[in-house]
Amino acid sequence: MATAHPILVMGICGTGKSSVARGVADRMDGSFVEADQYHDATSIARMRAGQPLTDDMRWGWLDRLAAALRSSPRRAILACSALGVAHRDRLRAGAGPLDIVFLHGDRDLIEARMKARRDHYMPTSLIDSQLAALQPPDPQAEGALWIDVALPLARIIDIAAGAFAPPRPTSTGGEQQ
């Protein structure tokens, strides 16, 4: 049986990537991979100071993420911004094909959610730079599933897990009634 592709749960800051990816991983008995844990200290300090990362700063991070996806003992579910096509291409170059869930929504809703969270280095001042850098994944070319973050978290997880869950075995008939 072919191994299922890793699932990339992507979007700008504050869209709920970590919550969705963790929920999908739990639902599918997969391995949750949190991209924030793979940033180096310099990148975290830069973001904490309200400065966006450059692509040159992202390449090593994306390579570390691809290695984590490759080494996962179970289907990996990655929470990662992956804002640009080049970022997703870099992940695919290192990890192979990806199934993509793109979380998107109203800027004001995303800002309100970011203001409500605690103990995270990403300030709301980076929302606009993330939106400017965002190249949404193409539903056809990249096979991306778009989900609006205004939906309840449980519904988002249901949609994402349902879209990428392995097919259930079908009956071959002949069962006793």
Protein backbone atom coordinates (compact mmCIF):
# COMPACT_ATOMS: atom_id res chain seq x y z
CA MET A 1 0.00 0.00 0.00
CA ALA A 2 1.35 3.42 -0.92
CA THR A 3 2.21 5.77 1.90
CA ALA A 4 -0.12 8.74 2.19
CA HIS A 5 1.42 12.15 1.50
CA PRO A 6 2.16 14.45 4.41
CA ILE A 7 -0.54 17.06 4.96
CA LEU A 8 0.49 20.71 5.02
CA VAL A 9 -1.91 22.93 6.99
CA MET A 10 -0.96 26.42 5.84
CA GLY A 11 -2.00 30.04 6.00
CA ILE A 12 -0.95 33.33 7.52
CA CYS A 13 -0.34 33.83 11.23
CA GLY A 14 -3.44 33.50 13.40
CA THR A 15 -5.48 31.23 11.13
CA GLY A 16 -5.33 28.30 13.55
CA LYS A 17 -2.81 26.15 11.69
CA SER A 18 -1.49 24.47 14.84
CA SER A 19 -4.92 23.72 16.28
CA VAL A 20 -6.17 22.33 12.98
CA ALA A 21 -3.04 20.28 12.25
CA ARG A 22 -3.00 18.85 15.79
CA GLY A 23 -6.68 17.93 15.48
CA VAL A 24 -6.20 16.29 12.07
CA ALA A 25 -3.15 14.39 13.36
CA ASP A 26 -5.17 13.12 16.34
CA ARG A 27 -8.10 12.14 14.12
CA MET A 28 -5.89 10.33 11.59
CA ASP A 29 -3.38 8.86 14.08
CA GLY A 30 -0.69 10.93 12.39
CA SER A 31 2.37 12.77 13.64
CA PHE A 32 1.88 16.47 14.38
CA VAL A 33 4.80 18.64 13.23
CA GLU A 34 4.83 22.25 14.48
CA ALA A 35 6.92 24.42 12.14
CA ASP A 36 7.43 27.07 14.83
CA GLN A 37 9.62 24.58 16.73
CA TYR A 38 12.05 24.44 13.80
CA HIS A 39 12.85 28.17 13.58
CA ASP A 40 16.31 29.22 14.71
CA ALA A 41 16.71 31.75 17.54
CA THR A 42 17.62 34.58 15.14
CA SER A 43 14.40 34.15 13.18
CA ILE A 44 12.27 34.03 16.33
CA ALA A 45 13.93 37.20 17.66
CA ARG A 46 13.34 38.94 14.34
CA MET A 47 9.63 38.01 14.28
CA ARG A 48 9.21 38.93 17.95
CA ALA A 49 10.57 42.37 17.03
CA GLY A 50 7.87 42.67 14.34
CA GLN A 51 10.20 42.12 11.39
CA PRO A 52 9.20 39.62 8.68
CA LEU A 53 11.59 36.90 7.62
CA THR A 54 13.31 36.97 4.26
CA ASP A 55 13.29 33.96 1.96
CA ASP A 56 17.00 33.48 2.64
CA MET A 57 16.12 33.11 6.33
CA ARG A 58 13.41 30.56 5.51
CA TRP A 59 15.36 28.07 3.35
CA GLY A 60 17.15 26.24 6.17
CA TRP A 61 13.93 26.17 8.20
CA LEU A 62 12.01 24.65 5.29
CA ASP A 63 14.77 22.07 4.77
CA ARG A 64 14.58 21.09 8.47
CA LEU A 65 10.81 20.73 8.11
CA ALA A 66 11.15 18.55 5.00
CA ALA A 67 13.57 16.29 6.91
CA ALA A 68 11.07 16.03 9.78
CA LEU A 69 8.32 15.03 7.32
CA ARG A 70 10.55 12.39 5.71
CA SER A 71 11.54 10.89 9.05
CA SER A 72 8.05 10.75 10.53
CA PRO A 73 7.08 7.19 11.49
CA ARG A 74 3.42 7.97 10.69
CA ARG A 75 1.67 10.30 8.27
CA ALA A 76 2.96 13.76 9.13
CA ILE A 77 0.57 16.68 9.57
CA LEU A 78 2.56 19.92 9.33
CA ALA A 79 1.40 23.30 10.65
CA CYS A 80 3.41 25.79 8.61
CA SER A 81 2.75 29.17 6.99
CA ALA A 82 4.33 28.12 3.64
CA LEU A 83 3.17 31.46 2.28
CA GLY A 84 4.79 31.33 -1.15
CA VAL A 85 4.83 28.84 -3.99
CA ALA A 86 8.64 28.72 -3.64
CA HIS A 87 8.26 27.73 0.03
CA ARG A 88 5.89 24.89 -0.82
CA ASP A 89 8.13 23.85 -3.71
CA ARG A 90 11.08 23.72 -1.27
CA LEU A 91 9.08 21.48 1.09
CA ARG A 92 8.05 19.22 -1.82
CA ALA A 93 11.65 19.04 -3.07
CA GLY A 94 12.72 17.69 0.30
CA ALA A 95 9.68 15.70 1.38
CA GLY A 96 7.84 14.72 -1.81
CA PRO A 97 4.21 15.43 -2.70
CA LEU A 98 2.03 17.20 -0.14
CA ASP A 99 -1.69 17.30 0.49
CA ILE A 100 -2.55 20.93 1.31
CA VAL A 101 -5.16 22.52 3.58
CA PHE A 102 -5.20 26.30 3.11
CA LEU A 103 -6.75 28.18 6.04
CA HIS A 104 -7.95 31.64 5.08
CA GLY A 105 -10.34 34.22 6.41
CA ASP A 106 -11.28 37.75 7.27
CA ARG A 107 -8.32 39.88 8.39
CA ASP A 108 -10.24 41.38 11.34
CA LEU A 109 -11.18 37.92 12.64
CA ILE A 110 -7.57 36.75 12.35
CA GLU A 111 -6.29 39.85 14.16
CA ALA A 112 -8.81 39.36 16.98
CA ARG A 113 -7.69 35.75 17.39
CA MET A 114 -4.04 36.77 17.48
CA LYS A 115 -4.73 39.40 20.13
CA ALA A 116 -6.44 36.75 22.26
CA ARG A 117 -3.57 34.25 22.23
CA ARG A 118 -0.87 34.19 24.87
CA ASP A 119 2.78 33.19 24.88
CA HIS A 120 3.37 33.45 21.14
CA TYR A 121 6.17 35.48 19.58
CA MET A 122 4.25 36.57 16.46
CA PRO A 123 2.81 40.10 16.85
CA THR A 124 -0.32 41.29 15.03
CA SER A 125 1.86 43.84 13.25
CA LEU A 126 3.06 41.03 10.94
CA ILE A 127 -0.40 40.22 9.56
CA ASP A 128 -0.09 42.69 6.69
CA SER A 129 3.40 41.53 5.67
CA GLN A 130 2.16 37.94 5.70
CA LEU A 131 -0.84 38.86 3.55
CA ALA A 132 1.49 40.70 1.15
CA ALA A 133 3.76 37.63 0.88
CA LEU A 134 0.89 35.15 0.57
CA GLN A 135 0.56 33.30 -2.71
CA PRO A 136 -2.54 31.17 -2.08
CA PRO A 137 -2.18 27.58 -3.27
CA ASP A 138 -4.05 26.75 -6.43
CA PRO A 139 -6.84 24.23 -5.80
CA GLN A 140 -6.11 22.46 -9.08
CA ALA A 141 -2.36 22.84 -9.64
CA GLU A 142 -1.45 22.20 -6.00
CA GLY A 143 -4.48 20.13 -5.04
CA ALA A 144 -5.23 22.51 -2.18
CA LEU A 145 -8.35 22.38 -0.06
CA TRP A 146 -9.45 25.89 0.97
CA ILE A 147 -11.23 26.25 4.32
CA ASP A 148 -12.57 29.49 5.82
CA VAL A 149 -11.43 29.96 9.42
CA ALA A 150 -14.79 31.47 10.38
CA LEU A 151 -16.06 27.90 10.65
CA PRO A 152 -15.91 26.24 14.07
CA LEU A 153 -12.60 24.45 14.74
CA ALA A 154 -14.26 21.03 15.00
CA ARG A 155 -15.88 21.53 11.58
CA ILE A 156 -12.57 22.61 10.00
CA ILE A 157 -10.90 19.47 11.38
CA ASP A 158 -13.79 17.30 10.10
CA ILE A 159 -13.47 18.77 6.61
CA ALA A 160 -9.68 18.48 6.46
CA ALA A 161 -9.48 14.99 7.92
CA GLY A 162 -12.36 13.80 5.75
CA ALA A 163 -10.76 15.13 2.58
CA PHE A 164 -7.43 13.41 3.13
CA ALA A 165 -8.33 10.32 5.13
CA PRO A 166 -7.44 7.02 3.51
CA PRO A 167 -10.43 5.37 1.86
CA ARG A 168 -12.29 2.91 4.01
CA PRO A 169 -12.34 -0.69 2.82
CA THR A 170 -15.50 -1.42 0.90
CA SER A 171 -17.61 -4.48 1.24
CA THR A 172 -17.06 -7.16 -1.35
CA GLY A 173 -20.53 -8.55 -0.90
CA GLY A 174 -21.47 -12.02 0.26
CA GLU A 175 -21.95 -11.04 3.90
CA GLN A 176 -24.40 -13.06 5.93
CA GLN A 177 -27.48 -11.13 6.98
